[in-house]
């Protein structure tokens, strides 16, 4: 993790390589954790990410007999289900290994089988790791600042999800449904009759590895079209579906002989809710407009501040970062790298970014490195723009507004219905002495003085009004005099004029008119 400058436990020179070697020596659980960390640019710096990406998942395969034993233990009747299973695995990884097979009905499938005893071993390692996380959080300043125990819990949950092959099958099913009618994307179908928590059976869909550029060109496939299809599927997942493949490295993507994009391995997926999706779009559009304030607003809306945020300084740093890309031709702007720098900047200001956004950024970085080799002139920014604007238009659609109104009405109705019960609870607590009410008027002298001024003005206004009315009634009696010498009407109007001036001056002096 990124320790603050000068903080306790900060990594020294050469640490990334030592970390990778240590994870390998600690065993498959820690290798898997290292792989998960390699797709989290919000937790580790670029030098650590680059080193952990070198972690190889290849391990010696378990025996074919052990694989068959796991199938039978999980409830699958191997002889009744399969006509053939290749004893030589296609791949052997830390959690499972994969075999090609043929069902008795004739369909070609791949069989992913969990390694014997791996779930128990991983659970033991994760419990140890949780203790280490709590210790680091308690004993180190940076561990407490970054809530290491929460990060460990998050990564541990991701590992546990990968142990549940039924969850992976559900993820694959969602992808299959989402792309059922898309002619440019192909998703293997799940065979649920032969799938459970420890065994996953998928349709076999062969293709050319997307990073094998020579093989793609030798097959007369248009690599520029492939790049466009890959980016289109990526942005559809992020901006339209809100459900995306979180680990799209070249080993998990192939191209069919007809140029379709094929996705494999659905153990790691990300989910974006509507709010996060819209803020991601605001972030992207702010970057495209070089609007540092808009980018900062989006970052703070997405993230969680662990302390007071120096907003003005953050805006200045975002503006400095944007200048690096200002005026650069679109094909030269690396969107994933730019967003990763924003995440790193957020970390420096102790703004915790949700894991989902980190997965999106890593996904962009991985796909960007692939598509720029397929088509050097392609621009992730230019292709992303219409998707983002379409989602923003949907934000103000009548259907969306109607949905928001309906939800708001339902929320207020629920609040009103629950209000009597809540008030009754509060009154009961007051009557039982659990809550003490002590009414107090602050600055009573000032309040009384203000009331005195108000009452004096009101009295003056009443006297003024009465004087004017009385004088007006006497105005038709031209000979009216006071003490036989002073004219009543003239004196009345003079007194009214003086009182009016006094009242007007007091109001103007108060500044409240």
Protein backbone atom coordinates (compact mmCIF):
# COMPACT_ATOMS: atom_id res chain seq x y z
CA UNK A 1 0.00 0.00 0.00
CA UNK A 2 1.05 3.58 -0.53
CA UNK A 3 2.46 4.86 2.75
CA UNK A 4 2.54 8.65 3.15
CA UNK A 5 5.95 10.26 2.73
CA UNK A 6 7.99 9.62 5.81
CA UNK A 7 5.26 7.44 7.30
CA UNK A 8 5.77 4.21 9.17
CA UNK A 9 6.19 1.07 7.17
CA UNK A 10 6.84 2.87 3.88
CA UNK A 11 8.40 0.72 1.17
CA UNK A 12 12.05 1.16 0.24
CA UNK A 13 13.90 0.79 -3.07
CA UNK A 14 13.51 -2.60 -4.74
CA UNK A 15 10.48 -3.52 -2.67
CA UNK A 16 8.15 -4.31 -5.63
CA UNK A 17 10.30 -7.21 -6.77
CA UNK A 18 10.75 -8.50 -3.22
CA UNK A 19 6.98 -8.34 -2.71
CA UNK A 20 6.35 -10.45 -5.82
CA UNK A 21 8.93 -13.06 -4.76
CA UNK A 22 7.47 -13.20 -1.23
CA UNK A 23 3.94 -13.74 -2.57
CA UNK A 24 5.14 -16.61 -4.76
CA UNK A 25 6.90 -18.24 -1.79
CA UNK A 26 3.82 -17.85 0.43
CA UNK A 27 1.73 -20.01 -1.89
CA UNK A 28 -1.35 -19.94 -4.15
CA UNK A 29 -3.54 -17.80 -1.88
CA UNK A 30 -1.04 -14.97 -1.85
CA UNK A 31 -0.34 -15.34 -5.57
CA UNK A 32 -4.06 -14.83 -6.16
CA UNK A 33 -4.08 -11.82 -3.81
CA UNK A 34 -1.12 -10.39 -5.72
CA UNK A 35 -3.03 -10.80 -8.97
CA UNK A 36 -6.03 -9.01 -7.45
CA UNK A 37 -3.77 -6.20 -6.24
CA UNK A 38 -2.34 -5.87 -9.75
CA UNK A 39 -5.74 -4.66 -10.97
CA UNK A 40 -6.10 -2.08 -8.17
CA UNK A 41 -4.20 1.11 -9.13
CA UNK A 42 -5.90 2.88 -6.22
CA UNK A 43 -4.02 0.69 -3.73
CA UNK A 44 -0.59 0.34 -5.32
CA UNK A 45 1.69 2.57 -7.36
CA UNK A 46 2.53 1.83 -11.02
CA UNK A 47 5.87 0.18 -10.17
CA UNK A 48 4.09 -2.36 -7.93
CA UNK A 49 1.34 -2.95 -10.49
CA UNK A 50 3.92 -3.66 -13.21
CA UNK A 51 5.77 -6.13 -10.98
CA UNK A 52 2.68 -7.98 -9.73
CA UNK A 53 1.42 -8.36 -13.30
CA UNK A 54 4.37 -10.74 -13.76
CA UNK A 55 2.85 -13.20 -11.29
CA UNK A 56 2.19 -16.41 -13.14
CA UNK A 57 -0.86 -18.43 -12.29
CA UNK A 58 0.60 -21.61 -13.76
CA UNK A 59 1.20 -24.37 -11.20
CA UNK A 60 1.82 -28.10 -11.57
CA UNK A 61 -1.49 -29.85 -12.42
CA UNK A 62 -3.14 -32.28 -10.05
CA UNK A 63 -3.69 -35.82 -11.24
CA UNK A 64 -6.59 -36.69 -13.53
CA UNK A 65 -7.88 -39.11 -10.89
CA UNK A 66 -8.05 -36.27 -8.34
CA UNK A 67 -10.01 -34.15 -10.83
CA UNK A 68 -12.51 -36.95 -11.38
CA UNK A 69 -12.82 -37.44 -7.62
CA UNK A 70 -13.76 -33.75 -7.16
CA UNK A 71 -16.41 -34.08 -9.89
CA UNK A 72 -17.97 -37.11 -8.23
CA UNK A 73 -17.80 -35.57 -4.73
CA UNK A 74 -19.66 -32.51 -6.03
CA UNK A 75 -22.50 -34.70 -7.31
CA UNK A 76 -21.70 -35.03 -11.03
CA UNK A 77 -22.02 -38.52 -12.51
CA UNK A 78 -19.01 -38.35 -14.80
CA UNK A 79 -19.78 -41.46 -16.87
CA UNK A 80 -23.41 -40.44 -17.46
CA UNK A 81 -22.55 -36.83 -18.33
CA UNK A 82 -19.41 -37.03 -20.45
CA UNK A 83 -18.47 -39.11 -23.45
CA UNK A 84 -14.86 -37.96 -23.20
CA UNK A 85 -12.64 -35.86 -20.90
CA UNK A 86 -9.10 -35.05 -21.99
CA UNK A 87 -6.78 -36.16 -19.16
CA UNK A 88 -4.23 -33.49 -20.18
CA UNK A 89 -5.40 -30.11 -18.84
CA UNK A 90 -5.64 -27.04 -21.07
CA UNK A 91 -4.45 -24.96 -18.11
CA UNK A 92 -3.63 -25.47 -14.43
CA UNK A 93 -3.94 -22.49 -12.11
CA UNK A 94 -3.74 -21.90 -8.37
CA UNK A 95 -7.47 -22.45 -7.76
CA UNK A 96 -8.61 -24.74 -10.57
CA UNK A 97 -7.59 -26.51 -13.73
CA UNK A 98 -9.37 -26.76 -17.06
CA UNK A 99 -9.95 -29.82 -19.28
CA UNK A 100 -11.59 -30.15 -22.68
CA UNK A 101 -14.49 -32.59 -22.76
CA UNK A 102 -17.39 -33.84 -24.86
CA UNK A 103 -20.88 -34.34 -23.42
CA UNK A 104 -22.80 -37.52 -24.12
CA UNK A 105 -25.10 -35.33 -26.22
CA UNK A 106 -22.14 -34.45 -28.46
CA UNK A 107 -21.43 -30.80 -27.48
CA UNK A 108 -17.81 -29.78 -26.94
CA UNK A 109 -17.27 -28.16 -23.54
CA UNK A 110 -14.56 -27.07 -21.15
CA UNK A 111 -14.57 -28.42 -17.62
CA UNK A 112 -13.20 -26.16 -14.88
CA UNK A 113 -12.56 -28.16 -11.70
CA UNK A 114 -11.45 -26.81 -8.33
CA UNK A 115 -8.21 -28.18 -6.95
CA UNK A 116 -8.73 -30.64 -4.06
CA UNK A 117 -8.53 -29.01 -0.62
CA UNK A 118 -7.86 -25.54 -2.02
CA UNK A 119 -10.93 -23.90 -0.40
CA UNK A 120 -9.87 -24.94 3.11
CA UNK A 121 -6.24 -23.90 2.55
CA UNK A 122 -7.26 -20.49 1.20
CA UNK A 123 -9.68 -19.87 4.07
CA UNK A 124 -6.88 -20.56 6.59
CA UNK A 125 -4.55 -18.14 4.78
CA UNK A 126 -7.25 -15.46 4.62
CA UNK A 127 -7.86 -15.67 8.38
CA UNK A 128 -4.12 -15.17 8.98
CA UNK A 129 -4.14 -12.25 6.55
CA UNK A 130 -7.11 -10.67 8.36
CA UNK A 131 -5.16 -10.83 11.65
CA UNK A 132 -2.17 -9.20 9.95
CA UNK A 133 -4.40 -6.44 8.57
CA UNK A 134 -5.86 -5.67 12.00
CA UNK A 135 -2.35 -5.62 13.51
CA UNK A 136 -1.05 -3.21 10.86
CA UNK A 137 -4.06 -0.94 11.37
CA UNK A 138 -3.49 -0.92 15.12
CA UNK A 139 0.31 -0.56 15.16
CA UNK A 140 1.11 1.70 12.17
CA UNK A 141 -0.03 5.20 11.25
CA UNK A 142 -0.41 4.43 7.55
CA UNK A 143 -2.30 1.22 8.32
CA UNK A 144 -4.82 3.18 10.36
CA UNK A 145 -5.03 5.99 7.79
CA UNK A 146 -5.82 3.64 4.90
CA UNK A 147 -7.95 1.21 6.95
CA UNK A 148 -5.88 -1.80 5.93
CA UNK A 149 -8.25 -4.28 7.57
CA UNK A 150 -11.07 -3.08 5.28
CA UNK A 151 -8.85 -3.47 2.20
CA UNK A 152 -7.84 -6.98 3.30
CA UNK A 153 -11.51 -7.86 3.85
CA UNK A 154 -12.36 -6.56 0.38
CA UNK A 155 -9.59 -8.57 -1.31
CA UNK A 156 -10.45 -11.67 0.74
CA UNK A 157 -14.07 -11.44 -0.37
CA UNK A 158 -12.89 -11.27 -4.00
CA UNK A 159 -10.87 -14.47 -3.51
CA UNK A 160 -13.84 -16.23 -1.90
CA UNK A 161 -16.04 -15.24 -4.84
CA UNK A 162 -13.57 -16.89 -7.20
CA UNK A 163 -13.95 -20.11 -5.21
CA UNK A 164 -17.69 -20.15 -5.94
CA UNK A 165 -18.06 -21.50 -9.49
CA UNK A 166 -21.85 -21.13 -9.33
CA UNK A 167 -21.35 -17.37 -8.96
CA UNK A 168 -18.99 -17.38 -11.93
CA UNK A 169 -21.62 -19.29 -13.91
CA UNK A 170 -24.23 -16.65 -13.02
CA UNK A 171 -21.84 -13.94 -14.19
CA UNK A 172 -21.28 -15.79 -17.46
CA UNK A 173 -25.04 -16.14 -17.89
CA UNK A 174 -25.52 -12.37 -17.51
CA UNK A 175 -22.85 -11.72 -20.14
CA UNK A 176 -24.42 -14.31 -22.43
CA UNK A 177 -27.83 -12.61 -22.10
CA UNK A 178 -26.38 -9.11 -22.59
CA UNK A 179 -24.60 -10.08 -25.80
CA UNK A 180 -27.04 -12.63 -27.17
CA UNK A 181 -28.00 -10.35 -30.08
CA UNK A 182 -24.62 -8.65 -30.59
CA UNK A 183 -22.98 -9.92 -33.80
CA UNK A 184 -19.54 -8.70 -32.68
CA UNK A 185 -19.26 -10.50 -29.30
CA UNK A 186 -19.42 -14.20 -28.42
CA UNK A 187 -19.92 -15.52 -24.87
CA UNK A 188 -19.67 -19.25 -23.98
CA UNK A 189 -22.93 -20.80 -22.78
CA UNK A 190 -23.21 -22.34 -19.30
CA UNK A 191 -24.28 -25.98 -18.94
CA UNK A 192 -26.08 -25.77 -15.61
CA UNK A 193 -26.78 -29.50 -15.35
CA UNK A 194 -23.04 -30.06 -14.93
CA UNK A 195 -22.18 -26.98 -12.84
CA UNK A 196 -21.93 -26.49 -9.08
CA UNK A 197 -19.74 -24.66 -6.56
CA UNK A 198 -16.66 -26.72 -7.43
CA UNK A 199 -17.23 -27.59 -11.09
CA UNK A 200 -18.06 -25.27 -13.99
CA UNK A 201 -19.01 -26.54 -17.44
CA UNK A 202 -18.99 -24.07 -20.33
CA UNK A 203 -19.41 -24.28 -24.08
CA UNK A 204 -16.07 -24.68 -25.85
CA UNK A 205 -15.48 -21.61 -28.04
CA UNK A 206 -12.08 -21.62 -29.71
CA UNK A 207 -10.32 -18.58 -31.10
CA UNK A 208 -7.06 -16.72 -31.65
CA UNK A 209 -5.56 -15.06 -28.59
CA UNK A 210 -6.14 -11.32 -29.00
CA UNK A 211 -2.50 -10.51 -28.28
CA UNK A 212 -1.29 -12.85 -31.05
CA UNK A 213 -1.22 -10.06 -33.63
CA UNK A 214 0.69 -12.06 -36.24
CA UNK A 215 -1.86 -14.89 -36.13
CA UNK A 216 -4.72 -12.39 -36.46
CA UNK A 217 -3.18 -10.82 -39.55
CA UNK A 218 -2.32 -14.22 -40.99
CA UNK A 219 -6.04 -15.10 -40.71
CA UNK A 220 -6.88 -12.03 -42.86
CA UNK A 221 -8.77 -10.43 -39.97
CA UNK A 222 -9.05 -6.62 -39.92
CA UNK A 223 -7.30 -5.65 -36.69
CA UNK A 224 -8.76 -2.11 -36.77
CA UNK A 225 -12.28 -3.57 -36.83
CA UNK A 226 -11.35 -5.92 -33.98
CA UNK A 227 -10.11 -2.94 -31.93
CA UNK A 228 -13.38 -1.07 -32.58
CA UNK A 229 -15.46 -4.11 -31.56
CA UNK A 230 -13.43 -4.61 -28.39
CA UNK A 231 -13.80 -0.96 -27.35
CA UNK A 232 -17.51 -0.93 -28.20
CA UNK A 233 -18.06 -3.98 -25.97
CA UNK A 234 -16.00 -2.36 -23.22
CA UNK A 235 -17.99 0.88 -23.21
CA UNK A 236 -21.28 -1.00 -23.45
CA UNK A 237 -20.34 -2.90 -20.29
CA UNK A 238 -19.35 0.26 -18.38
CA UNK A 239 -21.82 2.92 -19.52
CA UNK A 240 -24.90 0.97 -20.58
CA UNK A 241 -24.97 -2.32 -18.67
CA UNK A 242 -23.07 -1.29 -15.55
CA UNK A 243 -21.76 -4.86 -15.41
CA UNK A 244 -18.23 -5.43 -16.71
CA UNK A 245 -15.44 -7.97 -17.01
CA UNK A 246 -12.92 -6.92 -14.36
CA UNK A 247 -9.94 -8.93 -15.61
CA UNK A 248 -9.77 -8.59 -19.42
CA UNK A 249 -6.10 -9.51 -19.84
CA UNK A 250 -5.07 -11.11 -23.17
CA UNK A 251 -5.44 -14.62 -21.75
CA UNK A 252 -9.16 -14.00 -21.20
CA UNK A 253 -9.98 -12.59 -24.65
CA UNK A 254 -9.83 -14.29 -28.04
CA UNK A 255 -11.06 -13.58 -31.55
CA UNK A 256 -13.21 -16.05 -33.50
CA UNK A 257 -12.36 -16.95 -37.13
CA UNK A 258 -15.10 -14.49 -38.19
CA UNK A 259 -13.72 -11.61 -36.09
CA UNK A 260 -16.02 -11.82 -33.05
CA UNK A 261 -14.65 -10.91 -29.61
CA UNK A 262 -14.74 -13.90 -27.23
CA UNK A 263 -14.60 -13.39 -23.46
CA UNK A 264 -13.53 -16.11 -21.00
CA UNK A 265 -13.24 -16.39 -17.20
CA UNK A 266 -16.01 -14.49 -15.43
CA UNK A 267 -14.75 -14.95 -11.87
CA UNK A 268 -13.97 -11.25 -11.50
CA UNK A 269 -16.67 -8.79 -12.52
CA UNK A 270 -17.53 -5.23 -11.53
CA UNK A 271 -20.92 -3.64 -10.96
CA UNK A 272 -21.66 0.09 -11.35
CA UNK A 273 -24.87 1.50 -9.92
CA UNK A 274 -26.61 4.39 -11.70
CA UNK A 275 -25.06 7.08 -9.48
CA UNK A 276 -21.50 5.79 -9.83
CA UNK A 277 -21.98 5.30 -13.57
CA UNK A 278 -23.12 8.91 -14.01
CA UNK A 279 -20.26 10.28 -11.89
CA UNK A 280 -17.78 8.24 -13.96
CA UNK A 281 -19.23 9.92 -17.05
CA UNK A 282 -18.98 13.34 -15.38
CA UNK A 283 -15.34 12.55 -14.63
CA UNK A 284 -14.67 11.53 -18.23
CA UNK A 285 -16.44 14.57 -19.73
CA UNK A 286 -14.61 16.88 -17.30
CA UNK A 287 -11.30 15.41 -18.45
CA UNK A 288 -12.28 15.86 -22.11
CA UNK A 289 -13.19 19.53 -21.47
CA UNK A 290 -10.02 20.13 -19.38
CA UNK A 291 -12.34 21.33 -16.59
CA UNK A 292 -10.39 20.87 -13.33
CA UNK A 293 -13.35 21.87 -11.13
CA UNK A 294 -15.70 19.40 -12.83
CA UNK A 295 -13.12 16.60 -12.49
CA UNK A 296 -12.60 17.43 -8.80
CA UNK A 297 -16.37 17.49 -8.15
CA UNK A 298 -16.72 14.06 -9.76
CA UNK A 299 -13.78 12.63 -7.79
CA UNK A 300 -15.16 13.89 -4.48
CA UNK A 301 -18.65 12.63 -5.38
CA UNK A 302 -17.23 9.19 -6.17
CA UNK A 303 -14.73 8.89 -3.33
CA UNK A 304 -14.86 8.93 0.45
CA UNK A 305 -12.72 11.52 2.23
CA UNK A 306 -10.95 10.20 5.35
CA UNK A 307 -10.26 13.74 6.60
CA UNK A 308 -10.80 17.39 5.68
CA UNK A 309 -10.13 17.72 1.94
CA UNK A 310 -8.03 20.68 0.78
CA UNK A 311 -10.33 21.28 -2.16
CA UNK A 312 -8.58 24.31 -3.66
CA UNK A 313 -5.21 22.51 -3.63
CA UNK A 314 -6.77 19.41 -5.17
CA UNK A 315 -8.28 21.51 -7.99
CA UNK A 316 -4.86 23.07 -8.68
CA UNK A 317 -3.19 19.65 -8.81
CA UNK A 318 -5.89 18.34 -11.16
CA UNK A 319 -5.35 21.40 -13.40
CA UNK A 320 -1.59 20.74 -13.44
CA UNK A 321 -2.26 17.14 -14.42
CA UNK A 322 -4.60 18.23 -17.22
CA UNK A 323 -1.93 20.52 -18.69
CA UNK A 324 0.13 17.42 -19.37
CA UNK A 325 -2.50 16.31 -21.90
CA UNK A 326 -3.73 19.70 -23.15
CA UNK A 327 -3.49 20.08 -26.93
CA UNK A 328 -2.29 16.49 -27.39
CA UNK A 329 -3.80 14.64 -30.41
CA UNK A 330 -6.58 12.29 -29.28
CA UNK A 331 -4.84 9.05 -30.42
CA UNK A 332 -1.87 9.96 -28.21
CA UNK A 333 -3.94 10.46 -25.04
CA UNK A 334 -3.87 7.33 -22.90
CA UNK A 335 -7.21 7.45 -21.12
CA UNK A 336 -6.46 4.62 -18.70
CA UNK A 337 -3.12 6.13 -17.72
CA UNK A 338 -4.68 9.58 -17.21
CA UNK A 339 -7.41 8.15 -14.97
CA UNK A 340 -4.84 6.10 -13.04
CA UNK A 341 -2.93 9.34 -12.34
CA UNK A 342 -6.16 10.88 -11.05
CA UNK A 343 -6.63 7.92 -8.70
CA UNK A 344 -3.07 8.31 -7.45
CA UNK A 345 -3.73 12.02 -6.88
CA UNK A 346 -6.91 11.16 -4.94
CA UNK A 347 -4.93 8.79 -2.74
CA UNK A 348 -2.47 11.58 -1.87
CA UNK A 349 -5.42 13.62 -0.62
CA UNK A 350 -6.75 10.63 1.39
CA UNK A 351 -9.82 10.24 -0.83
CA UNK A 352 -10.74 6.55 -0.91
CA UNK A 353 -11.99 5.51 -4.34
CA UNK A 354 -14.51 2.62 -4.62
CA UNK A 355 -13.05 -0.64 -5.87
CA UNK A 356 -15.41 -0.58 -8.87
CA UNK A 357 -13.84 2.59 -10.29
CA UNK A 358 -10.35 1.15 -9.76
CA UNK A 359 -11.40 -1.94 -11.69
CA UNK A 360 -12.74 0.28 -14.51
CA UNK A 361 -9.43 2.15 -14.67
CA UNK A 362 -7.39 -1.05 -14.76
CA UNK A 363 -9.73 -2.46 -17.40
CA UNK A 364 -9.18 0.67 -19.52
CA UNK A 365 -5.41 0.42 -19.12
CA UNK A 366 -5.36 -3.26 -20.11
CA UNK A 367 -7.67 -2.85 -23.11
CA UNK A 368 -5.84 0.33 -24.20
CA UNK A 369 -2.53 -1.53 -24.42
CA UNK A 370 -4.20 -4.14 -26.65
CA UNK A 371 -6.23 -1.91 -29.00
CA UNK A 372 -3.38 0.54 -29.66
CA UNK A 373 -1.36 -2.38 -31.03
CA UNK A 374 -4.32 -3.54 -33.11
CA UNK A 375 -4.89 0.01 -34.44
CA UNK A 376 -2.29 2.71 -33.57
CA UNK A 377 -4.68 5.50 -34.69
CA UNK A 378 -7.54 4.53 -32.41
CA UNK A 379 -8.65 6.92 -29.64
CA UNK A 380 -10.35 5.66 -26.49
CA UNK A 381 -11.45 9.23 -25.69
CA UNK A 382 -13.14 9.84 -29.04
CA UNK A 383 -14.98 6.51 -29.03
CA UNK A 384 -16.06 6.92 -25.38
CA UNK A 385 -17.65 10.35 -25.91
CA UNK A 386 -20.94 9.29 -27.59
CA UNK A 387 -21.52 6.57 -24.97
CA UNK A 388 -21.09 9.06 -22.14
CA UNK A 389 -23.36 11.66 -23.73
CA UNK A 390 -26.03 9.05 -24.41
CA UNK A 391 -26.14 8.11 -20.73
CA UNK A 392 -26.34 11.79 -19.73
CA UNK A 393 -29.30 12.25 -22.08
CA UNK A 394 -30.97 9.24 -20.48
CA UNK A 395 -30.58 10.96 -17.10
CA UNK A 396 -33.16 13.55 -18.16
CA UNK A 397 -35.47 11.26 -20.10
CA UNK A 398 -39.18 11.28 -19.09
CA UNK A 399 -38.91 7.64 -18.00
CA UNK A 400 -35.92 8.39 -15.75
CA UNK A 401 -37.55 11.50 -14.24
CA UNK A 402 -40.80 9.60 -13.67
CA UNK A 403 -38.86 6.85 -11.91
CA UNK A 404 -37.08 9.37 -9.66
CA UNK A 405 -40.40 11.07 -8.79
CA UNK A 406 -42.05 7.74 -8.03
CA UNK A 407 -39.17 6.72 -5.75
CA UNK A 408 -39.19 10.10 -4.00
CA UNK A 409 -42.94 9.90 -3.40
CA UNK A 410 -42.54 6.37 -2.03
CA UNK A 411 -39.71 7.54 0.28
CA UNK A 412 -41.76 10.48 1.61
CA UNK A 413 -44.83 8.29 2.05
CA UNK A 414 -42.77 5.81 4.05
CA UNK A 415 -41.37 8.68 6.12
CA UNK A 416 -44.83 10.10 6.86
CA UNK A 417 -46.22 6.67 7.76
CA UNK A 418 -43.39 6.06 10.17
CA UNK A 419 -43.43 9.53 11.73
CA UNK A 420 -46.15 8.87 14.38
CA UNK A 421 -44.35 5.77 15.62
CA UNK A 422 -41.03 7.60 15.81
CA UNK A 423 -42.61 10.55 17.67
CA UNK A 424 -44.27 8.13 20.07
CA UNK A 425 -40.90 6.50 20.77
CA UNK A 426 -39.29 9.90 21.42
CA UNK A 427 -42.12 11.00 23.75
CA UNK A 428 -41.88 7.69 25.61
CA UNK A 429 -38.15 8.25 26.12
CA UNK A 430 -38.83 11.80 27.35
CA UNK A 431 -41.49 10.61 29.82
CA UNK A 432 -39.16 7.88 31.10
CA UNK A 433 -36.38 10.40 31.62
CA UNK A 434 -34.11 8.87 29.00
CA UNK A 435 -34.15 12.17 27.07
CA UNK A 436 -34.11 15.50 28.91
CA UNK A 437 -35.38 18.65 27.22
CA UNK A 438 -33.99 21.93 28.49
CA UNK A 439 -35.45 24.88 26.57
CA UNK A 440 -33.17 27.92 26.64
CA UNK A 441 -33.35 31.28 24.88
CA UNK A 442 -29.91 32.59 24.05
CA UNK A 443 -29.19 36.38 24.36
CA UNK A 444 -32.56 37.20 25.92
CA UNK A 445 -31.46 40.82 26.51
CA UNK A 446 -30.87 41.40 22.80
CA UNK A 447 -34.21 39.82 21.92
CA UNK A 448 -36.02 42.07 24.45
CA UNK A 449 -34.24 45.17 23.12
CA UNK A 450 -35.32 44.33 19.58
CA UNK A 451 -38.93 43.92 20.72
CA UNK A 452 -38.74 47.33 22.49
CA UNK A 453 -37.54 49.03 19.30
CA UNK A 454 -40.25 47.31 17.26
CA UNK A 455 -43.01 48.29 19.71
CA UNK A 456 -41.77 51.91 19.85
CA UNK A 457 -41.86 52.17 16.07
CA UNK A 458 -45.32 50.64 15.98
CA UNK A 459 -46.57 53.13 18.61
CA UNK A 460 -45.03 56.02 16.69
CA UNK A 461 -46.68 54.84 13.48
CA UNK A 462 -50.09 54.61 15.23
CA UNK A 463 -49.75 58.14 16.68
CA UNK A 464 -48.66 59.44 13.27
CA UNK A 465 -51.65 57.82 11.58
CA UNK A 466 -54.07 59.15 14.20
CA UNK A 467 -52.63 62.65 13.92
CA UNK A 468 -52.95 62.66 10.14
CA UNK A 469 -56.55 61.41 10.29
CA UNK A 470 -57.54 63.98 12.95
CA UNK A 471 -55.90 66.83 11.08
CA UNK A 472 -57.60 65.79 7.85
CA UNK A 473 -61.02 65.83 9.58
CA UNK A 474 -60.42 69.37 10.80
CA UNK A 475 -59.06 70.60 7.48
CA UNK A 476 -62.55 71.63 6.24
CA UNK A 477 -62.91 73.99 9.21
CA UNK A 478 -60.70 76.80 7.97
CA UNK A 479 -61.15 78.96 11.10
CA UNK A 480 -60.16 76.25 13.63
CA UNK A 481 -57.61 77.65 16.05
CA UNK A 482 -55.86 76.51 19.21
CA UNK A 483 -56.10 78.85 22.18
CA UNK A 484 -57.70 81.37 19.76
CA UNK A 485 -54.36 82.10 18.12
CA UNK A 486 -52.60 79.02 16.63
CA UNK A 487 -54.15 77.29 13.56
CA UNK A 488 -54.96 73.64 14.36
CA UNK A 489 -54.60 72.23 10.81
CA UNK A 490 -51.13 73.70 10.22
CA UNK A 491 -49.90 72.49 13.60
CA UNK A 492 -51.30 68.99 12.97
CA UNK A 493 -49.58 68.62 9.63
CA UNK A 494 -46.32 70.00 11.06
CA UNK A 495 -46.39 67.47 13.92
CA UNK A 496 -47.18 64.64 11.49
CA UNK A 497 -44.30 65.70 9.26
CA UNK A 498 -41.83 65.72 12.18
CA UNK A 499 -43.01 62.32 13.47
CA UNK A 500 -42.82 60.92 9.93
CA UNK A 501 -39.21 62.08 9.63
CA UNK A 502 -38.33 60.48 12.99
CA UNK A 503 -39.95 57.17 12.00
CA UNK A 504 -38.33 57.15 8.56
CA UNK A 505 -34.90 57.94 10.00
CA UNK A 506 -35.12 55.13 12.58
CA UNK A 507 -36.03 52.61 9.88
CA UNK A 508 -33.23 53.75 7.54
CA UNK A 509 -30.72 53.70 10.40
CA UNK A 510 -31.63 50.08 11.25
CA UNK A 511 -30.82 48.98 7.70
CA UNK A 512 -34.00 46.85 7.53
CA UNK A 513 -36.23 48.38 4.88
